[in-house]
Amino acid sequence: DLESLYHLLLGLEYYGYRLVHSRPIPGSIYHIHNLQRHVATKYETV
């Protein structure tokens, strides 16, 4: 599922869009132990 969503987002770069802003939404952040990284289920991206 994440791979399919990644492919959809890659289309933005193909059509000339670049990421100018990103932030995780409070309350949706969690930790991935094997990556030793905090990620989120919701992000605001522009």
All heavy atoms as atom14 arrays in JSON, in Angstrom:
{
  "sequence": "DLESLYHLLLGLEYYGYRLVHSRPIPGSIYHIHNLQRHVATKYETV",
  "atom14_mask": [
    [1, 1, 1, 1, 1, 1, 1, 1, 0, 0, 0, 0, 0, 0],
    [1, 1, 1, 1, 1, 1, 1, 1, 0, 0, 0, 0, 0, 0],
    [1, 1, 1, 1, 1, 1, 1, 1, 1, 0, 0, 0, 0, 0],
    [1, 1, 1, 1, 1, 1, 0, 0, 0, 0, 0, 0, 0, 0],
    [1, 1, 1, 1, 1, 1, 1, 1, 0, 0, 0, 0, 0, 0],
    [1, 1, 1, 1, 1, 1, 1, 1, 1, 1, 1, 1, 0, 0],
    [1, 1, 1, 1, 1, 1, 1, 1, 1, 1, 0, 0, 0, 0],
    [1, 1, 1, 1, 1, 1, 1, 1, 0, 0, 0, 0, 0, 0],
    [1, 1, 1, 1, 1, 1, 1, 1, 0, 0, 0, 0, 0, 0],
    [1, 1, 1, 1, 1, 1, 1, 1, 0, 0, 0, 0, 0, 0],
    [1, 1, 1, 1, 0, 0, 0, 0, 0, 0, 0, 0, 0, 0],
    [1, 1, 1, 1, 1, 1, 1, 1, 0, 0, 0, 0, 0, 0],
    [1, 1, 1, 1, 1, 1, 1, 1, 1, 0, 0, 0, 0, 0],
    [1, 1, 1, 1, 1, 1, 1, 1, 1, 1, 1, 1, 0, 0],
    [1, 1, 1, 1, 1, 1, 1, 1, 1, 1, 1, 1, 0, 0],
    [1, 1, 1, 1, 0, 0, 0, 0, 0, 0, 0, 0, 0, 0],
    [1, 1, 1, 1, 1, 1, 1, 1, 1, 1, 1, 1, 0, 0],
    [1, 1, 1, 1, 1, 1, 1, 1, 1, 1, 1, 0, 0, 0],
    [1, 1, 1, 1, 1, 1, 1, 1, 0, 0, 0, 0, 0, 0],
    [1, 1, 1, 1, 1, 1, 1, 0, 0, 0, 0, 0, 0, 0],
    [1, 1, 1, 1, 1, 1, 1, 1, 1, 1, 0, 0, 0, 0],
    [1, 1, 1, 1, 1, 1, 0, 0, 0, 0, 0, 0, 0, 0],
    [1, 1, 1, 1, 1, 1, 1, 1, 1, 1, 1, 0, 0, 0],
    [1, 1, 1, 1, 1, 1, 1, 0, 0, 0, 0, 0, 0, 0],
    [1, 1, 1, 1, 1, 1, 1, 1, 0, 0, 0, 0, 0, 0],
    [1, 1, 1, 1, 1, 1, 1, 0, 0, 0, 0, 0, 0, 0],
    [1, 1, 1, 1, 0, 0, 0, 0, 0, 0, 0, 0, 0, 0],
    [1, 1, 1, 1, 1, 1, 0, 0, 0, 0, 0, 0, 0, 0],
    [1, 1, 1, 1, 1, 1, 1, 1, 0, 0, 0, 0, 0, 0],
    [1, 1, 1, 1, 1, 1, 1, 1, 1, 1, 1, 1, 0, 0],
    [1, 1, 1, 1, 1, 1, 1, 1, 1, 1, 0, 0, 0, 0],
    [1, 1, 1, 1, 1, 1, 1, 1, 0, 0, 0, 0, 0, 0],
    [1, 1, 1, 1, 1, 1, 1, 1, 1, 1, 0, 0, 0, 0],
    [1, 1, 1, 1, 1, 1, 1, 1, 0, 0, 0, 0, 0, 0],
    [1, 1, 1, 1, 1, 1, 1, 1, 0, 0, 0, 0, 0, 0],
    [1, 1, 1, 1, 1, 1, 1, 1, 1, 0, 0, 0, 0, 0],
    [1, 1, 1, 1, 1, 1, 1, 1, 1, 1, 1, 0, 0, 0],
    [1, 1, 1, 1, 1, 1, 1, 1, 1, 1, 0, 0, 0, 0],
    [1, 1, 1, 1, 1, 1, 1, 0, 0, 0, 0, 0, 0, 0],
    [1, 1, 1, 1, 1, 0, 0, 0, 0, 0, 0, 0, 0, 0],
    [1, 1, 1, 1, 1, 1, 1, 0, 0, 0, 0, 0, 0, 0],
    [1, 1, 1, 1, 1, 1, 1, 1, 1, 0, 0, 0, 0, 0],
    [1, 1, 1, 1, 1, 1, 1, 1, 1, 1, 1, 1, 0, 0],
    [1, 1, 1, 1, 1, 1, 1, 1, 1, 0, 0, 0, 0, 0],
    [1, 1, 1, 1, 1, 1, 1, 0, 0, 0, 0, 0, 0, 0],
    [1, 1, 1, 1, 1, 1, 1, 0, 0, 0, 0, 0, 0, 0]
  ],
  "atom14_positions": [
    [[0.83, -1.2, 0.0], [0.0, 0.0, 0.0], [0.87, 1.25, 0.0], [0.61, 2.2, -0.75], [-0.92, 0.01, 1.22], [-1.94, -1.11, 1.18], [-2.32, -1.53, 0.08], [-2.35, -1.57, 2.26], [0.0, 0.0, 0.0], [0.0, 0.0, 0.0], [0.0, 0.0, 0.0], [0.0, 0.0, 0.0], [0.0, 0.0, 0.0], [0.0, 0.0, 0.0]],
    [[1.9, 1.25, 0.83], [2.79, 2.41, 0.89], [3.54, 2.59, -0.42], [3.78, 3.72, -0.86], [3.78, 2.23, 2.05], [3.17, 2.35, 3.45], [4.15, 1.85, 4.51], [2.78, 3.8, 3.75], [0.0, 0.0, 0.0], [0.0, 0.0, 0.0], [0.0, 0.0, 0.0], [0.0, 0.0, 0.0], [0.0, 0.0, 0.0], [0.0, 0.0, 0.0]],
    [[3.9, 1.49, -1.07], [4.58, 1.58, -2.36], [3.67, 2.22, -3.41], [4.12, 3.05, -4.2], [5.01, 0.19, -2.81], [5.83, 0.19, -4.09], [6.31, -1.21, -4.45], [5.49, -2.15, -4.38], [7.49, -1.35, -4.8], [0.0, 0.0, 0.0], [0.0, 0.0, 0.0], [0.0, 0.0, 0.0], [0.0, 0.0, 0.0], [0.0, 0.0, 0.0]],
    [[2.4, 1.86, -3.42], [1.45, 2.45, -4.37], [1.29, 3.95, -4.14], [1.25, 4.75, -5.08], [0.09, 1.76, -4.25], [0.17, 0.4, -4.62], [0.0, 0.0, 0.0], [0.0, 0.0, 0.0], [0.0, 0.0, 0.0], [0.0, 0.0, 0.0], [0.0, 0.0, 0.0], [0.0, 0.0, 0.0], [0.0, 0.0, 0.0], [0.0, 0.0, 0.0]],
    [[1.22, 4.36, -2.87], [1.11, 5.78, -2.55], [2.39, 6.53, -2.92], [2.33, 7.67, -3.4], [0.79, 5.95, -1.07], [-0.49, 5.27, -0.58], [-0.69, 5.52, 0.92], [-1.71, 5.77, -1.35], [0.0, 0.0, 0.0], [0.0, 0.0, 0.0], [0.0, 0.0, 0.0], [0.0, 0.0, 0.0], [0.0, 0.0, 0.0], [0.0, 0.0, 0.0]],
    [[3.52, 5.9, -2.7], [4.81, 6.48, -3.09], [4.84, 6.75, -4.6], [5.28, 7.82, -5.05], [5.92, 5.52, -2.68], [7.31, 5.89, -3.15], [7.98, 7.0, -2.64], [7.97, 5.11, -4.1], [9.27, 7.32, -3.05], [9.26, 5.42, -4.52], [9.9, 6.52, -4.0], [11.17, 6.85, -4.42], [0.0, 0.0, 0.0], [0.0, 0.0, 0.0]],
    [[4.35, 5.81, -5.39], [4.33, 5.99, -6.84], [3.43, 7.16, -7.24], [3.76, 7.92, -8.17], [3.87, 4.7, -7.53], [4.86, 3.59, -7.43], [4.53, 2.27, -7.61], [6.19, 3.61, -7.16], [5.61, 1.52, -7.47], [6.63, 2.3, -7.19], [0.0, 0.0, 0.0], [0.0, 0.0, 0.0], [0.0, 0.0, 0.0], [0.0, 0.0, 0.0]],
    [[2.3, 7.31, -6.56], [1.42, 8.45, -6.85], [2.14, 9.76, -6.55], [2.06, 10.71, -7.32], [0.15, 8.35, -6.02], [-0.99, 7.52, -6.57], [-2.13, 7.43, -5.57], [-1.51, 8.09, -7.9], [0.0, 0.0, 0.0], [0.0, 0.0, 0.0], [0.0, 0.0, 0.0], [0.0, 0.0, 0.0], [0.0, 0.0, 0.0], [0.0, 0.0, 0.0]],
    [[2.85, 9.81, -5.44], [3.55, 11.04, -5.07], [4.72, 11.33, -6.01], [5.02, 12.49, -6.3], [4.05, 10.94, -3.63], [2.95, 10.96, -2.56], [3.51, 10.53, -1.21], [2.32, 12.35, -2.45], [0.0, 0.0, 0.0], [0.0, 0.0, 0.0], [0.0, 0.0, 0.0], [0.0, 0.0, 0.0], [0.0, 0.0, 0.0], [0.0, 0.0, 0.0]],
    [[5.37, 10.29, -6.51], [6.47, 10.49, -7.46], [6.01, 11.23, -8.71], [6.79, 11.94, -9.34], [7.08, 9.15, -7.86], [8.15, 8.54, -6.95], [8.67, 7.25, -7.56], [9.29, 9.51, -6.71], [0.0, 0.0, 0.0], [0.0, 0.0, 0.0], [0.0, 0.0, 0.0], [0.0, 0.0, 0.0], [0.0, 0.0, 0.0], [0.0, 0.0, 0.0]],
    [[4.74, 11.05, -9.07], [4.22, 11.75, -10.23], [4.35, 13.26, -10.11], [4.51, 13.96, -11.12], [0.0, 0.0, 0.0], [0.0, 0.0, 0.0], [0.0, 0.0, 0.0], [0.0, 0.0, 0.0], [0.0, 0.0, 0.0], [0.0, 0.0, 0.0], [0.0, 0.0, 0.0], [0.0, 0.0, 0.0], [0.0, 0.0, 0.0], [0.0, 0.0, 0.0]],
    [[4.29, 13.78, -8.9], [4.44, 15.22, -8.7], [5.81, 15.68, -9.19], [5.93, 16.71, -9.87], [4.27, 15.57, -7.22], [2.85, 15.47, -6.67], [2.86, 15.58, -5.16], [1.97, 16.57, -7.28], [0.0, 0.0, 0.0], [0.0, 0.0, 0.0], [0.0, 0.0, 0.0], [0.0, 0.0, 0.0], [0.0, 0.0, 0.0], [0.0, 0.0, 0.0]],
    [[6.83, 14.93, -8.85], [8.17, 15.31, -9.29], [8.29, 15.19, -10.81], [8.93, 16.02, -11.47], [9.23, 14.44, -8.59], [10.63, 14.81, -8.98], [11.62, 14.63, -7.86], [11.34, 15.01, -6.71], [12.71, 14.12, -8.15], [0.0, 0.0, 0.0], [0.0, 0.0, 0.0], [0.0, 0.0, 0.0], [0.0, 0.0, 0.0], [0.0, 0.0, 0.0]],
    [[7.66, 14.17, -11.38], [7.69, 13.99, -12.83], [7.1, 15.2, -13.55], [7.6, 15.61, -14.61], [6.92, 12.73, -13.21], [6.82, 12.48, -14.7], [7.88, 11.88, -15.38], [5.69, 12.88, -15.42], [7.8, 11.67, -16.76], [5.62, 12.66, -16.8], [6.67, 12.07, -17.45], [6.6, 11.86, -18.82], [0.0, 0.0, 0.0], [0.0, 0.0, 0.0]],
    [[6.05, 15.8, -12.97], [5.4, 16.95, -13.59], [5.95, 18.29, -13.1], [5.35, 19.33, -13.34], [3.89, 16.88, -13.36], [3.22, 15.83, -14.21], [2.64, 14.72, -13.62], [3.19, 15.94, -15.59], [2.03, 13.74, -14.41], [2.6, 14.97, -16.38], [2.02, 13.87, -15.78], [1.43, 12.9, -16.55], [0.0, 0.0, 0.0], [0.0, 0.0, 0.0]],
    [[7.09, 18.25, -12.45], [7.79, 19.49, -12.14], [7.52, 20.09, -10.78], [7.92, 21.23, -10.51], [0.0, 0.0, 0.0], [0.0, 0.0, 0.0], [0.0, 0.0, 0.0], [0.0, 0.0, 0.0], [0.0, 0.0, 0.0], [0.0, 0.0, 0.0], [0.0, 0.0, 0.0], [0.0, 0.0, 0.0], [0.0, 0.0, 0.0], [0.0, 0.0, 0.0]],
    [[6.88, 19.36, -9.88], [6.61, 19.88, -8.54], [7.74, 19.5, -7.59], [8.33, 18.43, -7.69], [5.29, 19.32, -8.0], [4.08, 19.86, -8.71], [3.54, 19.18, -9.8], [3.47, 21.05, -8.32], [2.42, 19.66, -10.48], [2.36, 21.54, -8.98], [1.84, 20.85, -10.06], [0.74, 21.33, -10.72], [0.0, 0.0, 0.0], [0.0, 0.0, 0.0]],
    [[8.01, 20.41, -6.64], [9.03, 20.18, -5.64], [8.44, 20.45, -4.25], [7.6, 21.32, -4.09], [10.24, 21.09, -5.88], [10.91, 20.88, -7.23], [11.57, 19.51, -7.33], [12.2, 19.3, -8.65], [11.64, 18.66, -9.66], [10.42, 18.15, -9.52], [12.27, 18.5, -10.8], [0.0, 0.0, 0.0], [0.0, 0.0, 0.0], [0.0, 0.0, 0.0]],
    [[8.94, 19.71, -3.28], [8.43, 19.83, -1.91], [9.01, 21.08, -1.25], [10.23, 21.23, -1.14], [8.8, 18.58, -1.11], [8.26, 18.51, 0.32], [6.74, 18.42, 0.32], [8.86, 17.3, 1.05], [0.0, 0.0, 0.0], [0.0, 0.0, 0.0], [0.0, 0.0, 0.0], [0.0, 0.0, 0.0], [0.0, 0.0, 0.0], [0.0, 0.0, 0.0]],
    [[8.13, 21.98, -0.81], [8.56, 23.22, -0.18], [8.29, 23.21, 1.33], [8.89, 23.98, 2.08], [7.87, 24.44, -0.84], [6.38, 24.47, -0.53], [8.52, 25.75, -0.4], [0.0, 0.0, 0.0], [0.0, 0.0, 0.0], [0.0, 0.0, 0.0], [0.0, 0.0, 0.0], [0.0, 0.0, 0.0], [0.0, 0.0, 0.0], [0.0, 0.0, 0.0]],
    [[7.39, 22.33, 1.77], [7.01, 22.32, 3.19], [6.51, 20.94, 3.57], [5.8, 20.29, 2.81], [5.9, 23.35, 3.44], [5.23, 23.2, 4.78], [5.78, 23.64, 5.95], [4.04, 22.63, 5.11], [4.97, 23.37, 6.96], [3.9, 22.74, 6.48], [0.0, 0.0, 0.0], [0.0, 0.0, 0.0], [0.0, 0.0, 0.0], [0.0, 0.0, 0.0]],
    [[6.9, 20.49, 4.76], [6.4, 19.23, 5.29], [6.44, 19.27, 6.81], [7.41, 19.76, 7.4], [7.26, 18.05, 4.78], [6.84, 16.84, 5.36], [0.0, 0.0, 0.0], [0.0, 0.0, 0.0], [0.0, 0.0, 0.0], [0.0, 0.0, 0.0], [0.0, 0.0, 0.0], [0.0, 0.0, 0.0], [0.0, 0.0, 0.0], [0.0, 0.0, 0.0]],
    [[5.39, 18.75, 7.42], [5.39, 18.63, 8.87], [4.45, 17.48, 9.28], [3.39, 17.29, 8.69], [4.93, 19.92, 9.55], [3.47, 20.28, 9.32], [3.09, 21.56, 10.04], [1.72, 21.97, 9.71], [0.66, 21.76, 10.5], [0.84, 21.17, 11.67], [-0.53, 22.15, 10.13], [0.0, 0.0, 0.0], [0.0, 0.0, 0.0], [0.0, 0.0, 0.0]],
    [[4.87, 16.7, 10.27], [3.98, 15.66, 10.8], [2.89, 16.32, 11.64], [3.13, 17.34, 12.28], [4.9, 14.79, 11.64], [5.98, 15.73, 12.09], [6.17, 16.71, 10.95], [0.0, 0.0, 0.0], [0.0, 0.0, 0.0], [0.0, 0.0, 0.0], [0.0, 0.0, 0.0], [0.0, 0.0, 0.0], [0.0, 0.0, 0.0], [0.0, 0.0, 0.0]],
    [[1.71, 15.73, 11.63], [0.6, 16.29, 12.38], [0.63, 15.72, 13.8], [0.69, 14.51, 14.0], [-0.75, 15.94, 11.71], [-0.77, 16.48, 10.28], [-1.91, 16.5, 12.52], [-0.53, 17.97, 10.15], [0.0, 0.0, 0.0], [0.0, 0.0, 0.0], [0.0, 0.0, 0.0], [0.0, 0.0, 0.0], [0.0, 0.0, 0.0], [0.0, 0.0, 0.0]],
    [[0.61, 16.59, 14.81], [0.62, 16.11, 16.2], [-0.5, 15.11, 16.46], [-1.61, 15.26, 15.96], [0.41, 17.4, 17.0], [0.94, 18.49, 16.12], [0.61, 18.06, 14.72], [0.0, 0.0, 0.0], [0.0, 0.0, 0.0], [0.0, 0.0, 0.0], [0.0, 0.0, 0.0], [0.0, 0.0, 0.0], [0.0, 0.0, 0.0], [0.0, 0.0, 0.0]],
    [[-0.17, 14.11, 17.23], [-1.15, 13.06, 17.52], [-1.06, 11.88, 16.58], [-1.69, 10.85, 16.84], [0.0, 0.0, 0.0], [0.0, 0.0, 0.0], [0.0, 0.0, 0.0], [0.0, 0.0, 0.0], [0.0, 0.0, 0.0], [0.0, 0.0, 0.0], [0.0, 0.0, 0.0], [0.0, 0.0, 0.0], [0.0, 0.0, 0.0], [0.0, 0.0, 0.0]],
    [[-0.28, 12.02, 15.5], [-0.16, 10.91, 14.53], [1.26, 10.35, 14.47], [1.55, 9.49, 13.64], [-0.58, 11.38, 13.13], [0.39, 12.26, 12.57], [0.0, 0.0, 0.0], [0.0, 0.0, 0.0], [0.0, 0.0, 0.0], [0.0, 0.0, 0.0], [0.0, 0.0, 0.0], [0.0, 0.0, 0.0], [0.0, 0.0, 0.0], [0.0, 0.0, 0.0]],
    [[2.13, 10.83, 15.34], [3.55, 10.45, 15.3], [3.79, 9.17, 16.11], [3.23, 8.98, 17.19], [4.41, 11.61, 15.85], [4.18, 12.88, 15.02], [5.89, 11.23, 15.86], [4.81, 14.13, 15.62], [0.0, 0.0, 0.0], [0.0, 0.0, 0.0], [0.0, 0.0, 0.0], [0.0, 0.0, 0.0], [0.0, 0.0, 0.0], [0.0, 0.0, 0.0]],
    [[4.62, 8.29, 15.56], [4.99, 7.07, 16.26], [6.43, 6.7, 15.89], [7.05, 7.33, 15.02], [4.03, 5.92, 15.91], [4.02, 5.52, 14.45], [4.72, 4.4, 14.01], [3.31, 6.26, 13.51], [4.71, 4.02, 12.67], [3.29, 5.89, 12.16], [4.0, 4.77, 11.76], [3.99, 4.41, 10.44], [0.0, 0.0, 0.0], [0.0, 0.0, 0.0]],
    [[6.97, 5.7, 16.55], [8.38, 5.33, 16.38], [8.5, 3.98, 15.68], [7.8, 3.03, 16.02], [9.06, 5.25, 17.75], [10.55, 5.04, 17.67], [11.42, 6.02, 17.23], [11.31, 3.96, 17.96], [12.66, 5.56, 17.28], [12.62, 4.31, 17.71], [0.0, 0.0, 0.0], [0.0, 0.0, 0.0], [0.0, 0.0, 0.0], [0.0, 0.0, 0.0]],
    [[9.37, 3.91, 14.66], [9.7, 2.65, 14.0], [11.02, 2.15, 14.59], [12.08, 2.75, 14.35], [9.83, 2.81, 12.48], [8.54, 3.38, 11.87], [10.16, 1.48, 11.83], [8.61, 3.57, 10.37], [0.0, 0.0, 0.0], [0.0, 0.0, 0.0], [0.0, 0.0, 0.0], [0.0, 0.0, 0.0], [0.0, 0.0, 0.0], [0.0, 0.0, 0.0]],
    [[10.96, 1.09, 15.35], [12.13, 0.66, 16.11], [13.27, 0.19, 15.21], [14.43, 0.51, 15.45], [11.73, -0.46, 17.09], [10.8, 0.01, 18.17], [11.21, 0.8, 19.22], [9.46, -0.18, 18.33], [10.18, 1.07, 20.02], [9.1, 0.49, 19.49], [0.0, 0.0, 0.0], [0.0, 0.0, 0.0], [0.0, 0.0, 0.0], [0.0, 0.0, 0.0]],
    [[12.96, -0.58, 14.16], [14.05, -1.11, 13.33], [14.73, -0.02, 12.51], [15.87, -0.19, 12.07], [13.55, -2.23, 12.42], [12.48, -1.76, 11.45], [11.68, -0.89, 11.79], [12.46, -2.32, 10.24], [0.0, 0.0, 0.0], [0.0, 0.0, 0.0], [0.0, 0.0, 0.0], [0.0, 0.0, 0.0], [0.0, 0.0, 0.0], [0.0, 0.0, 0.0]],
    [[14.06, 1.12, 12.31], [14.68, 2.25, 11.6], [15.21, 3.31, 12.56], [15.9, 4.24, 12.14], [13.66, 2.91, 10.66], [13.13, 2.07, 9.5], [12.14, 2.89, 8.67], [14.25, 1.55, 8.63], [0.0, 0.0, 0.0], [0.0, 0.0, 0.0], [0.0, 0.0, 0.0], [0.0, 0.0, 0.0], [0.0, 0.0, 0.0], [0.0, 0.0, 0.0]],
    [[14.84, 3.16, 13.84], [15.22, 4.15, 14.84], [14.83, 5.55, 14.38], [15.64, 6.48, 14.35], [16.72, 4.08, 15.15], [17.13, 2.83, 15.91], [16.43, 2.75, 17.27], [16.59, 3.62, 18.12], [15.65, 1.7, 17.46], [0.0, 0.0, 0.0], [0.0, 0.0, 0.0], [0.0, 0.0, 0.0], [0.0, 0.0, 0.0], [0.0, 0.0, 0.0]],
    [[13.55, 5.66, 14.03], [13.08, 6.91, 13.44], [11.62, 7.15, 13.82], [10.81, 6.21, 13.84], [13.21, 6.83, 11.92], [12.67, 8.0, 11.15], [13.02, 7.88, 9.7], [12.53, 9.01, 8.92], [12.85, 9.25, 7.66], [13.68, 8.43, 7.04], [12.36, 10.29, 7.01], [0.0, 0.0, 0.0], [0.0, 0.0, 0.0], [0.0, 0.0, 0.0]],
    [[11.29, 8.4, 14.09], [9.91, 8.78, 14.31], [9.28, 9.17, 12.97], [9.87, 9.94, 12.2], [9.8, 9.96, 15.29], [10.0, 9.57, 16.72], [11.25, 9.53, 17.3], [9.11, 9.17, 17.67], [11.13, 9.14, 18.56], [9.84, 8.91, 18.8], [0.0, 0.0, 0.0], [0.0, 0.0, 0.0], [0.0, 0.0, 0.0], [0.0, 0.0, 0.0]],
    [[8.1, 8.65, 12.7], [7.35, 8.98, 11.5], [5.91, 9.27, 11.93], [5.6, 9.31, 13.12], [7.4, 7.84, 10.46], [8.83, 7.6, 9.98], [6.8, 6.56, 11.04], [0.0, 0.0, 0.0], [0.0, 0.0, 0.0], [0.0, 0.0, 0.0], [0.0, 0.0, 0.0], [0.0, 0.0, 0.0], [0.0, 0.0, 0.0], [0.0, 0.0, 0.0]],
    [[5.02, 9.48, 10.97], [3.64, 9.82, 11.3], [2.69, 9.2, 10.29], [3.1, 8.83, 9.18], [3.46, 11.34, 11.34], [0.0, 0.0, 0.0], [0.0, 0.0, 0.0], [0.0, 0.0, 0.0], [0.0, 0.0, 0.0], [0.0, 0.0, 0.0], [0.0, 0.0, 0.0], [0.0, 0.0, 0.0], [0.0, 0.0, 0.0], [0.0, 0.0, 0.0]],
    [[1.44, 9.11, 10.67], [0.41, 8.64, 9.74], [-0.24, 9.81, 9.01], [-0.99, 9.59, 8.05], [-0.68, 7.85, 10.48], [-1.23, 8.66, 11.53], [-0.1, 6.57, 11.08], [0.0, 0.0, 0.0], [0.0, 0.0, 0.0], [0.0, 0.0, 0.0], [0.0, 0.0, 0.0], [0.0, 0.0, 0.0], [0.0, 0.0, 0.0], [0.0, 0.0, 0.0]],
    [[0.05, 11.04, 9.44], [-0.49, 12.23, 8.77], [0.6, 13.29, 8.63], [1.28, 13.62, 9.61], [-1.69, 12.8, 9.54], [-2.94, 11.95, 9.48], [-3.99, 12.42, 10.47], [-4.55, 13.77, 10.14], [-5.69, 14.13, 11.03], [0.0, 0.0, 0.0], [0.0, 0.0, 0.0], [0.0, 0.0, 0.0], [0.0, 0.0, 0.0], [0.0, 0.0, 0.0]],
    [[0.73, 13.8, 7.42], [1.68, 14.89, 7.15], [0.98, 15.97, 6.34], [0.22, 15.67, 5.42], [2.87, 14.39, 6.32], [3.86, 13.51, 7.03], [3.67, 12.13, 7.08], [4.98, 14.05, 7.65], [4.58, 11.31, 7.72], [5.91, 13.22, 8.29], [5.69, 11.86, 8.32], [6.6, 11.04, 8.95], [0.0, 0.0, 0.0], [0.0, 0.0, 0.0]],
    [[1.29, 17.21, 6.67], [0.93, 18.3, 5.76], [2.12, 18.51, 4.84], [3.23, 18.8, 5.3], [0.63, 19.59, 6.51], [0.23, 20.71, 5.54], [0.12, 22.08, 6.18], [0.98, 22.41, 7.01], [-0.8, 22.83, 5.83], [0.0, 0.0, 0.0], [0.0, 0.0, 0.0], [0.0, 0.0, 0.0], [0.0, 0.0, 0.0], [0.0, 0.0, 0.0]],
    [[1.91, 18.36, 3.54], [2.97, 18.59, 2.56], [2.48, 19.62, 1.54], [1.31, 19.61, 1.17], [3.37, 17.29, 1.83], [2.23, 16.8, 1.09], [3.81, 16.23, 2.81], [0.0, 0.0, 0.0], [0.0, 0.0, 0.0], [0.0, 0.0, 0.0], [0.0, 0.0, 0.0], [0.0, 0.0, 0.0], [0.0, 0.0, 0.0], [0.0, 0.0, 0.0]],
    [[3.39, 20.48, 1.12], [3.05, 21.48, 0.11], [4.09, 21.41, -1.0], [5.29, 21.4, -0.74], [3.0, 22.9, 0.73], [2.66, 23.94, -0.35], [1.97, 22.95, 1.86], [0.0, 0.0, 0.0], [0.0, 0.0, 0.0], [0.0, 0.0, 0.0], [0.0, 0.0, 0.0], [0.0, 0.0, 0.0], [0.0, 0.0, 0.0], [0.0, 0.0, 0.0]]
  ]
}
